[in-house]
Protein backbone atom coordinates (compact mmCIF):
# COMPACT_ATOMS: atom_id res chain seq x y z
CA MET A 1 0.00 0.00 0.00
CA ALA A 2 1.38 3.42 -0.99
CA GLU A 3 2.15 5.86 1.79
CA ARG A 4 -0.54 8.51 2.32
CA LYS A 5 0.38 12.03 3.33
CA ASP A 6 -1.53 15.16 4.28
CA SER A 7 -1.22 18.53 2.54
CA LYS A 8 1.83 19.30 4.69
CA GLY A 9 3.65 16.15 3.61
CA ARG A 10 3.17 14.28 6.89
CA LEU A 11 2.52 10.54 6.88
CA LEU A 12 -1.00 9.47 7.75
CA LYS A 13 -1.63 6.28 9.70
CA THR A 14 -4.17 3.58 8.92
CA GLY A 15 -7.67 4.98 9.36
CA GLU A 16 -6.52 8.62 9.20
CA SER A 17 -7.33 10.99 6.33
CA GLU A 18 -7.47 14.69 5.52
CA ARG A 19 -10.80 16.08 4.33
CA LYS A 20 -11.20 18.63 1.55
CA ASP A 21 -12.11 21.30 4.10
CA GLY A 22 -8.71 20.75 5.83
CA ARG A 23 -10.07 18.85 8.83
CA TYR A 24 -8.69 15.46 9.83
CA GLN A 25 -10.71 12.33 10.52
CA TYR A 26 -10.08 8.87 11.93
CA ARG A 27 -12.39 5.92 11.11
CA PHE A 28 -12.51 2.93 13.47
CA LYS A 29 -14.72 0.03 14.43
CA LEU A 30 -15.59 -0.90 18.00
CA LYS A 31 -15.20 -4.52 18.97
CA GLY A 32 -18.36 -6.50 18.23
CA GLU A 33 -19.88 -3.81 16.00
CA LYS A 34 -20.28 -3.92 12.24
CA ASN A 35 -20.35 -0.21 11.42
CA TYR A 36 -17.41 2.19 11.47
CA LYS A 37 -17.35 5.30 13.62
CA THR A 38 -15.48 8.52 12.89
CA ILE A 39 -13.82 11.21 15.00
CA TYR A 40 -12.72 14.63 13.72
CA SER A 41 -10.23 17.37 14.57
CA ASN A 42 -8.81 20.46 12.95
CA TYR A 43 -5.35 19.37 14.07
CA LEU A 44 -3.37 16.20 13.33
CA THR A 45 -0.68 16.18 16.03
CA PRO A 46 -0.44 17.49 19.62
CA SER A 47 2.05 20.13 18.48
CA ASP A 48 -0.54 21.48 16.01
CA ALA A 49 -3.07 21.84 18.82
CA ARG A 50 -0.67 23.38 21.35
CA GLY A 51 -2.39 26.37 23.00
CA LYS A 52 -5.74 25.47 21.43
CA LYS A 53 -8.87 24.28 23.22
CA GLU A 54 -9.46 21.49 20.71
CA LYS A 55 -7.49 18.25 20.98
CA SER A 56 -5.58 16.89 18.01
CA LEU A 57 -6.70 13.80 16.13
CA ARG A 58 -3.78 11.75 17.51
CA GLU A 59 -4.76 12.65 21.09
CA LEU A 60 -8.32 11.60 20.41
CA GLU A 61 -7.04 8.30 19.02
CA ASP A 62 -5.06 7.72 22.21
CA ASN A 63 -8.17 8.37 24.27
CA LEU A 64 -10.05 5.78 22.24
CA GLU A 65 -7.37 3.20 22.87
CA ASN A 66 -7.45 3.90 26.60
CA ASN A 67 -11.24 3.87 27.07
CA TYR A 68 -12.67 1.31 24.65
CA SER A 69 -12.11 -2.26 23.55
CA THR A 70 -11.69 -0.85 20.08
CA PHE A 71 -8.74 -2.85 18.98
CA GLY A 72 -9.21 -6.27 20.59
CA ASP A 73 -9.16 -8.11 23.91
CA THR A 74 -7.89 -5.65 26.52
CA GLN A 75 -7.62 -8.37 29.16
CA LEU A 76 -4.81 -10.24 27.40
CA THR A 77 -1.64 -9.87 29.50
CA LEU A 78 1.84 -9.38 28.09
CA VAL A 79 2.87 -12.88 29.16
CA GLU A 80 -0.18 -14.39 27.46
CA LEU A 81 0.52 -12.43 24.29
CA ILE A 82 4.16 -13.61 24.31
CA GLU A 83 2.97 -17.20 24.63
CA LYS A 84 0.70 -16.65 21.63
CA TYR A 85 3.56 -15.07 19.67
CA ILE A 86 5.88 -18.03 20.41
CA SER A 87 3.20 -20.58 19.50
CA LEU A 88 2.69 -18.94 16.09
CA LYS A 89 6.38 -18.89 15.10
CA PRO A 90 6.88 -21.42 12.27
CA LYS A 91 9.70 -23.98 12.46
CA LEU A 92 11.05 -22.46 15.66
CA ALA A 93 14.33 -24.14 16.61
CA LEU A 94 14.25 -25.96 19.95
CA SER A 95 17.09 -23.82 21.28
CA THR A 96 15.29 -20.61 20.28
CA SER A 97 12.04 -21.83 21.82
CA TYR A 98 13.91 -22.65 25.01
CA ASN A 99 15.52 -19.20 25.15
CA TYR A 100 12.21 -17.43 24.47
CA ASN A 101 10.40 -19.33 27.21
CA LYS A 102 13.27 -18.89 29.64
CA THR A 103 13.19 -15.12 29.08
CA LYS A 104 9.41 -15.10 29.50
CA ASP A 105 9.39 -17.20 32.67
CA SER A 106 12.49 -15.96 34.47
CA VAL A 107 12.44 -12.26 33.53
CA ILE A 108 9.14 -10.93 32.19
CA SER A 109 6.74 -13.02 34.31
CA LYS A 110 8.50 -11.99 37.52
CA HIS A 111 7.97 -8.29 36.84
CA VAL A 112 4.64 -6.48 37.16
CA ILE A 113 4.72 -5.64 33.44
CA GLY A 114 4.19 -9.29 32.60
CA GLN A 115 0.74 -9.27 34.22
CA MET A 116 -0.36 -5.93 32.77
CA SER A 117 -2.92 -5.93 29.97
CA VAL A 118 -1.38 -5.40 26.56
CA GLN A 119 -3.45 -2.30 25.86
CA SER A 120 -2.51 -0.63 29.13
CA ILE A 121 1.26 -0.84 28.57
CA LYS A 122 2.81 2.43 27.42
CA LYS A 123 6.29 3.35 26.29
CA SER A 124 7.05 4.70 29.76
CA ASP A 125 6.29 1.25 31.19
CA ILE A 126 8.77 -0.38 28.80
CA LEU A 127 11.42 2.22 29.66
CA ALA A 128 10.84 1.66 33.38
CA PHE A 129 11.14 -2.11 32.89
CA TYR A 130 14.43 -1.82 31.00
CA LYS A 131 15.76 0.57 33.65
CA TYR A 132 14.86 -1.98 36.31
CA LEU A 133 16.74 -4.69 34.43
CA SER A 134 19.77 -2.45 34.06
CA GLU A 135 19.99 -0.82 37.49
CA GLU A 136 18.31 -3.31 39.83
CA LEU A 137 19.28 -6.63 38.24
CA ASN A 138 22.55 -5.32 36.71
CA TYR A 139 21.73 -6.76 33.28
CA LYS A 140 24.15 -5.87 30.53
CA ASN A 141 22.82 -3.96 27.55
CA SER A 142 23.26 -7.06 25.39
CA THR A 143 21.02 -9.04 27.75
CA ILE A 144 18.37 -6.31 27.76
CA LEU A 145 18.45 -6.49 23.96
CA LEU A 146 17.53 -10.18 24.15
CA VAL A 147 14.47 -9.26 26.22
CA HIS A 148 13.63 -6.44 23.81
CA ASN A 149 13.92 -8.79 20.83
CA LEU A 150 11.12 -10.89 22.31
CA ILE A 151 8.86 -8.12 23.58
CA SER A 152 9.04 -5.79 20.57
CA PRO A 153 7.90 -8.26 17.89
CA THR A 154 5.20 -9.47 20.28
CA PHE A 155 3.78 -5.95 20.48
CA GLN A 156 4.18 -5.56 16.73
CA MET A 157 1.96 -8.59 16.28
CA ALA A 158 -0.62 -6.84 18.45
CA VAL A 159 -0.35 -3.76 16.23
CA ASP A 160 -0.83 -5.86 13.10
CA ASP A 161 -3.87 -7.51 14.72
CA ASP A 162 -5.36 -4.08 15.52
CA MET A 163 -5.20 -4.82 19.24
CA ILE A 164 -3.18 -1.65 19.81
CA ARG A 165 -2.44 1.32 17.60
CA LYS A 166 1.33 1.59 18.03
CA ASN A 167 4.26 -0.42 19.36
CA PRO A 168 5.33 0.91 22.81
CA CYS A 169 8.80 -0.63 22.36
CA LYS A 170 9.76 1.73 19.56
CA ASP A 171 13.08 3.50 20.27
CA CYS A 172 13.22 2.10 23.82
CA MET A 173 16.76 0.71 23.30
CA LYS A 174 18.34 4.08 22.51
CA ASP A 175 19.73 4.40 26.04
CA TYR A 176 21.20 0.89 25.94
CA PRO A 177 23.81 0.89 23.16
CA GLN A 178 25.36 -2.43 22.22
CA ASN A 179 28.93 -1.48 23.02
CA ASP A 180 29.14 -2.77 26.58
CA ALA A 181 30.29 -6.27 25.67
CA GLU A 182 33.64 -7.28 27.06
CA GLU A 183 36.44 -7.36 24.53
CA LYS A 184 36.94 -10.85 23.19
CA ILE A 185 40.20 -12.46 24.26
CA ALA A 186 42.47 -14.08 21.67
CA LEU A 187 45.39 -16.01 23.09
CA THR A 188 48.84 -15.16 21.81
CA ASN A 189 50.91 -17.89 20.19
CA GLU A 190 52.94 -18.21 23.38
CA GLN A 191 49.80 -18.48 25.52
CA GLN A 192 48.38 -21.15 23.21
CA GLU A 193 51.57 -23.21 23.58
CA ILE A 194 51.52 -22.79 27.36
CA PHE A 195 47.84 -23.71 27.56
CA LEU A 196 48.13 -26.87 25.44
CA LYS A 197 51.37 -28.03 27.03
CA PHE A 198 49.94 -27.71 30.53
CA ILE A 199 46.86 -29.76 29.60
CA GLU A 200 48.79 -32.41 27.69
CA THR A 201 51.21 -33.02 30.58
CA SER A 202 48.65 -32.80 33.38
CA PRO A 203 47.37 -36.13 34.78
CA LEU A 204 44.15 -34.33 35.74
CA TYR A 205 43.43 -32.55 32.46
CA GLU A 206 45.22 -34.58 29.77
CA ARG A 207 41.99 -36.26 28.65
CA TYR A 208 40.71 -32.85 27.55
CA TYR A 209 43.75 -32.18 25.34
CA PRO A 210 42.25 -33.57 22.08
CA MET A 211 39.10 -31.46 22.48
CA PHE A 212 40.89 -28.20 23.21
CA ARG A 213 43.44 -28.81 20.47
CA ILE A 214 40.60 -29.23 17.96
CA PHE A 215 38.83 -26.14 19.33
CA LEU A 216 41.94 -24.08 18.57
CA GLU A 217 42.43 -25.69 15.15
CA THR A 218 38.84 -25.41 13.91
CA GLY A 219 37.11 -22.61 15.83
CA MET A 220 33.99 -24.75 16.27
CA ARG A 221 31.15 -23.66 18.53
CA CYS A 222 30.73 -25.60 21.76
CA GLY A 223 27.50 -27.36 20.75
CA GLU A 224 29.00 -28.31 17.39
CA MET A 225 32.02 -29.90 19.06
CA LEU A 226 30.08 -31.77 21.75
CA GLY A 227 27.62 -33.13 19.17
CA LEU A 228 30.29 -34.62 16.91
CA THR A 229 30.06 -38.35 16.24
CA TRP A 230 32.64 -40.53 14.56
CA ASP A 231 30.26 -40.67 11.59
CA ASP A 232 30.92 -36.95 11.07
CA ILE A 233 34.64 -37.58 10.54
CA ASN A 234 35.78 -38.44 7.02
CA PHE A 235 39.45 -39.37 7.25
CA GLU A 236 39.54 -40.41 3.60
CA ASP A 237 38.48 -36.98 2.31
CA GLY A 238 40.12 -35.21 5.25
CA CYS A 239 37.12 -33.25 6.53
CA ILE A 240 34.75 -32.84 9.48
CA ASP A 241 31.05 -32.51 8.61
CA ILE A 242 29.32 -29.90 10.82
CA ASN A 243 25.59 -30.58 10.43
CA HIS A 244 24.04 -30.47 13.94
CA GLN A 245 24.71 -29.45 17.53
CA LEU A 246 24.21 -30.98 20.97
CA GLN A 247 22.35 -29.01 23.64
CA TYR A 248 21.09 -29.63 27.15
CA ARG A 249 17.70 -27.99 27.48
CA LYS A 250 14.47 -28.17 29.46
CA LEU A 251 11.91 -29.88 27.27
CA ASP A 252 8.55 -31.39 28.21
CA GLY A 253 9.06 -30.42 31.82
CA HIS A 254 12.54 -31.84 32.38
CA HIS A 255 16.12 -31.26 31.22
CA GLN A 256 17.52 -33.56 28.58
CA TYR A 257 20.18 -33.84 25.91
CA LEU A 258 18.95 -33.18 22.40
CA ILE A 259 20.30 -32.77 18.91
CA THR A 260 19.15 -29.59 17.20
CA SER A 261 19.76 -27.81 13.93
CA LEU A 262 22.68 -25.43 13.68
CA LYS A 263 22.59 -21.75 14.58
CA SER A 264 22.06 -20.74 10.94
CA LYS A 265 22.32 -22.14 7.43
CA SER A 266 25.83 -20.72 7.24
CA ALA A 267 26.85 -22.87 10.21
CA LYS A 268 26.50 -26.02 8.11
CA ARG A 269 29.96 -26.58 6.69
CA GLN A 270 32.87 -28.97 6.23
CA LEU A 271 36.17 -28.27 7.97
CA PRO A 272 39.54 -29.59 6.76
CA ILE A 273 41.50 -32.01 8.93
CA ASN A 274 45.18 -31.16 9.37
CA GLU A 275 47.82 -33.33 11.03
CA LYS A 276 47.26 -31.77 14.47
CA ILE A 277 43.53 -32.49 14.30
CA LYS A 278 44.18 -36.05 13.06
CA ARG A 279 46.56 -36.70 15.96
CA ALA A 280 44.03 -35.29 18.43
CA LEU A 281 41.28 -37.54 17.04
CA ASP A 282 43.59 -40.56 17.23
CA LEU A 283 44.34 -39.76 20.87
CA GLN A 284 40.62 -39.39 21.64
CA LYS A 285 39.79 -42.72 19.99
CA GLN A 286 42.58 -44.37 21.96
CA TRP A 287 41.30 -42.83 25.23
CA GLN A 288 37.77 -44.06 24.53
CA TRP A 289 38.87 -47.63 23.92
CA GLN A 290 41.12 -47.64 26.96
CA ASN A 291 38.18 -46.58 29.13
CA GLY A 292 35.60 -48.86 27.54
CA ILE A 293 33.55 -46.04 26.03
CA ASN A 294 31.44 -46.42 22.88
CA HIS A 295 31.41 -50.21 22.99
CA LEU A 296 29.61 -50.57 26.33
CA PRO A 297 26.03 -49.41 25.60
CA GLU A 298 25.03 -49.53 29.25
CA LYS A 299 27.31 -46.54 29.88
CA THR A 300 25.43 -44.27 27.48
CA ILE A 301 22.21 -42.31 27.91
CA GLU A 302 19.52 -41.29 25.48
CA VAL A 303 20.15 -38.26 23.31
CA LYS A 304 16.94 -36.94 21.75
CA GLY A 305 17.44 -36.63 18.01
CA TYR A 306 20.07 -39.33 17.63
CA LYS A 307 19.24 -42.74 16.26
CA GLU A 308 19.74 -45.49 18.81
CA GLU A 309 22.92 -46.76 17.16
CA SER A 310 24.42 -43.24 17.29
CA ARG A 311 23.95 -42.66 21.01
CA SER A 312 27.22 -44.41 21.82
CA ASN A 313 29.09 -42.84 18.91
CA LEU A 314 29.86 -39.40 20.39
CA ILE A 315 33.50 -38.39 20.13
CA PHE A 316 33.70 -36.35 23.32
CA THR A 317 32.07 -37.73 26.45
CA SER A 318 32.63 -38.03 30.18
CA ILE A 319 34.47 -41.02 31.63
CA LYS A 320 31.02 -42.66 32.01
CA GLY A 321 30.26 -42.23 28.33
CA THR A 322 27.63 -39.54 28.91
CA PRO A 323 27.53 -36.35 26.81
CA PHE A 324 29.09 -33.15 28.08
CA LYS A 325 27.10 -30.03 28.88
CA GLY A 326 28.38 -26.76 27.46
CA ASN A 327 28.80 -25.10 30.84
CA THR A 328 30.84 -28.10 32.02
CA ILE A 329 33.52 -27.33 29.45
CA ASP A 330 33.64 -23.68 30.53
CA ARG A 331 34.07 -24.80 34.16
CA VAL A 332 36.93 -27.08 33.10
CA LEU A 333 38.63 -24.13 31.41
CA ILE A 334 38.25 -22.06 34.58
CA SER A 335 39.88 -24.85 36.60
CA ILE A 336 42.73 -25.23 34.11
CA VAL A 337 43.56 -21.52 34.18
CA ARG A 338 43.30 -21.43 37.98
CA ASP A 339 45.61 -24.43 38.50
CA TYR A 340 48.14 -23.33 35.89
CA ASN A 341 48.35 -19.75 37.20
CA TYR A 342 48.71 -20.99 40.79
CA SER A 343 51.60 -23.24 39.77
CA GLU A 344 53.21 -20.55 37.59
CA LEU A 345 53.06 -17.96 40.38
CA ASN A 346 54.82 -20.31 42.80
CA ILE A 347 57.50 -21.31 40.29
CA SER A 348 58.19 -17.73 39.18
CA LYS A 349 58.42 -16.61 42.80
CA VAL A 350 61.09 -19.21 43.53
CA LYS A 351 63.02 -18.34 40.34
CA GLY A 352 62.53 -14.62 40.81
CA ILE A 353 61.10 -14.09 37.34
CA LYS A 354 57.93 -12.54 35.97
CA PRO A 355 55.12 -15.13 35.74
CA LYS A 356 53.51 -15.92 32.39
CA LEU A 357 49.87 -16.13 33.38
CA LEU A 358 46.85 -17.18 31.34
CA PRO A 359 43.76 -14.92 31.12
CA HIS A 360 40.24 -16.03 31.96
CA LEU A 361 39.10 -18.41 29.23
CA SER A 362 35.84 -19.72 27.83
CA VAL A 363 35.02 -21.90 24.85
CA HIS A 364 34.21 -18.75 22.91
CA SER A 365 37.71 -17.43 23.71
CA LEU A 366 39.18 -20.48 21.96
CA ARG A 367 36.86 -19.95 18.97
CA HIS A 368 37.90 -16.30 18.76
CA THR A 369 41.57 -17.31 19.04
CA ALA A 370 41.23 -19.71 16.10
CA CYS A 371 39.55 -17.02 14.01
CA THR A 372 42.26 -14.51 14.92
CA ASN A 373 45.01 -16.99 14.01
CA TRP A 374 43.62 -17.38 10.50
CA ALA A 375 43.08 -13.65 10.08
CA LYS A 376 46.69 -12.97 11.08
CA ALA A 377 47.82 -15.57 8.57
CA GLY A 378 46.04 -13.61 5.85
CA MET A 379 43.27 -16.10 5.04
CA ASP A 380 40.73 -14.81 2.51
CA VAL A 381 37.86 -13.22 4.43
CA LYS A 382 35.15 -15.17 2.59
CA VAL A 383 36.94 -18.46 3.28
CA LEU A 384 37.26 -17.55 6.95
CA GLN A 385 33.57 -16.63 7.08
CA TYR A 386 32.76 -20.11 5.75
CA ILE A 387 35.08 -21.89 8.18
CA MET A 388 33.70 -19.99 11.17
CA GLY A 389 30.10 -20.45 10.02
CA HIS A 390 29.34 -16.73 10.34
CA ALA A 391 25.99 -15.75 8.84
CA ASN A 392 27.07 -12.09 8.71
CA ILE A 393 30.42 -11.26 7.15
CA GLN A 394 30.67 -8.16 9.35
CA VAL A 395 31.35 -10.47 12.30
CA THR A 396 34.32 -11.88 10.39
CA MET A 397 35.46 -8.43 9.30
CA ASN A 398 35.49 -7.22 12.91
CA VAL A 399 38.23 -9.77 13.61
CA TYR A 400 40.23 -8.59 10.59
CA ASN A 401 39.87 -4.96 11.64
CA HIS A 402 41.12 -5.77 15.13
CA VAL A 403 44.08 -7.70 13.72
CA ASP A 404 44.95 -4.85 11.34
CA LEU A 405 44.91 -2.37 14.22
CA GLU A 406 47.30 -4.61 16.15
CA ARG A 407 49.60 -4.79 13.15
CA VAL A 408 49.62 -1.00 12.82
CA LYS A 409 50.46 -0.56 16.51
CA ASN A 410 53.15 -3.24 16.46
CA GLU A 411 54.75 -1.93 13.28
CA ALA A 412 54.72 1.66 14.53
CA GLN A 413 56.24 0.56 17.83
CA ARG A 414 58.96 -1.35 15.94
CA MET A 415 59.75 1.74 13.88
CA TYR A 416 59.93 3.93 16.98
CA GLN A 417 62.29 1.42 18.59
CA LEU A 418 64.55 1.34 15.53
CA LYS A 419 64.66 5.12 15.55
CA ASP A 420 65.58 5.21 19.25
CA ASP A 421 68.30 2.59 18.70
CA GLY A 422 69.88 4.66 15.95
CA ASP A 423 69.60 1.72 13.53
CA PHE A 424 66.57 3.03 11.67
CA GLU A 425 67.97 3.48 8.17
CA THR A 426 69.96 0.24 8.21
CA SER A 427 66.98 -1.79 9.39
CA THR A 428 64.59 -0.35 6.86
CA LEU A 429 66.85 -1.54 4.07
CA ARG A 430 66.39 -5.10 5.37
CA ILE A 431 62.69 -5.01 4.58
CA GLY A 432 63.48 -6.24 1.07
CA THR A 433 60.93 -5.55 -1.63
CA MET A 434 59.03 -3.18 0.65
CA ALA A 435 62.13 -0.98 0.98
CA LYS A 436 62.45 -0.78 -2.80
CA SER A 437 59.25 1.26 -3.07
CA PRO A 438 60.06 5.02 -3.06
CA THR A 439 56.66 5.79 -1.57
CA ILE A 440 57.09 3.38 1.33
CA ARG A 441 60.72 4.47 1.87
CA ASN A 442 59.56 8.08 2.10
CA LYS A 443 56.89 7.14 4.66
CA ILE A 444 59.41 5.17 6.71
CA ALA A 445 61.90 8.02 6.53
CA SER A 446 59.25 10.40 7.88
CA PHE A 447 59.60 8.71 11.28
CA LYS A 448 63.08 10.31 11.62
């Protein structure tokens, strides 16, 4: 439908029109009635009617919404509307359904706004709710956005159904910019060597070495890694088929393991197997056979979505043959960093040297490290997007931009150091083909 405007070029909403005599009208139908009713005003917006005795058409529309069941069932609460919205979503992934319901039950239902009627909720109510989440519950802006992404489309459905005239969530996220996320940590090459060596030589953590080695070599997501079966490994073609993920979610009233579709279509991909990955897989297979896993069915549990013969075919499991939960792996990483740093602090204190400590790590830190490694190596950005399974190339580009900034800083620092050492001109000549370019030589010389 083409946009309709008044004589002043302002957009008119559904039901609004400008008469030939310059007056404005709004046609509506009360619930349960067949005939339309009409209200009139000489002014369209509140600013037009400022200082006048007559109310504007938009103010009259607001009064209608407040006083009549004009647009639908006014007794429907926000929680009930959200439940309706979720039930109408086609082909909703189990993980998405779980997250929606968790947000509804643990956040929205526990606040008074959840029990308010849909028609009574105003923009000020939404703003007050978000402020409560931010200041009282200390939610990060990114978490508030998750709540907003459920509430806003729910209200939009109400608008489309003529239950309410406008979406109260509009522009409510302006005060919660999405720049509060902690900077992602990418381990340096030295830190990666320290991390892997500590795990490989630790009697307590050595069984996790194959998994963490493959995390750093492939950049897989946690659910993708934990859902891998030996059927997904093609040693002949040298690739890993990423086609599903393993999750632990509340379903049908109780928590259970289930296989779900990937995060997006882009997440379905095949990853190459290098020698380090092959060795890690060989070590994992050896560990499983030594511990009687995958050939003792009584040690396995049901995984919803796997065929019966695949339940005992998971690559990474506990010592009992049961699947891992995602948060278990993050807790293992916390323990590894804690134990390594404790040992390193004691050793460095005895030796009188500066300790080489590891930062706080999560599975996503390892994924980001793998992505950063490839970006530093100069991998084509589209290839890296495919390997990482990013639906949006901007996510991949953000890693490249960060790497490029590091290169600029490091190169500038190296130039400053050469200048301070008095070996600037000699060193620049060692750059080879770069030093042969007059333009680049002039830029380098400008540091003098």
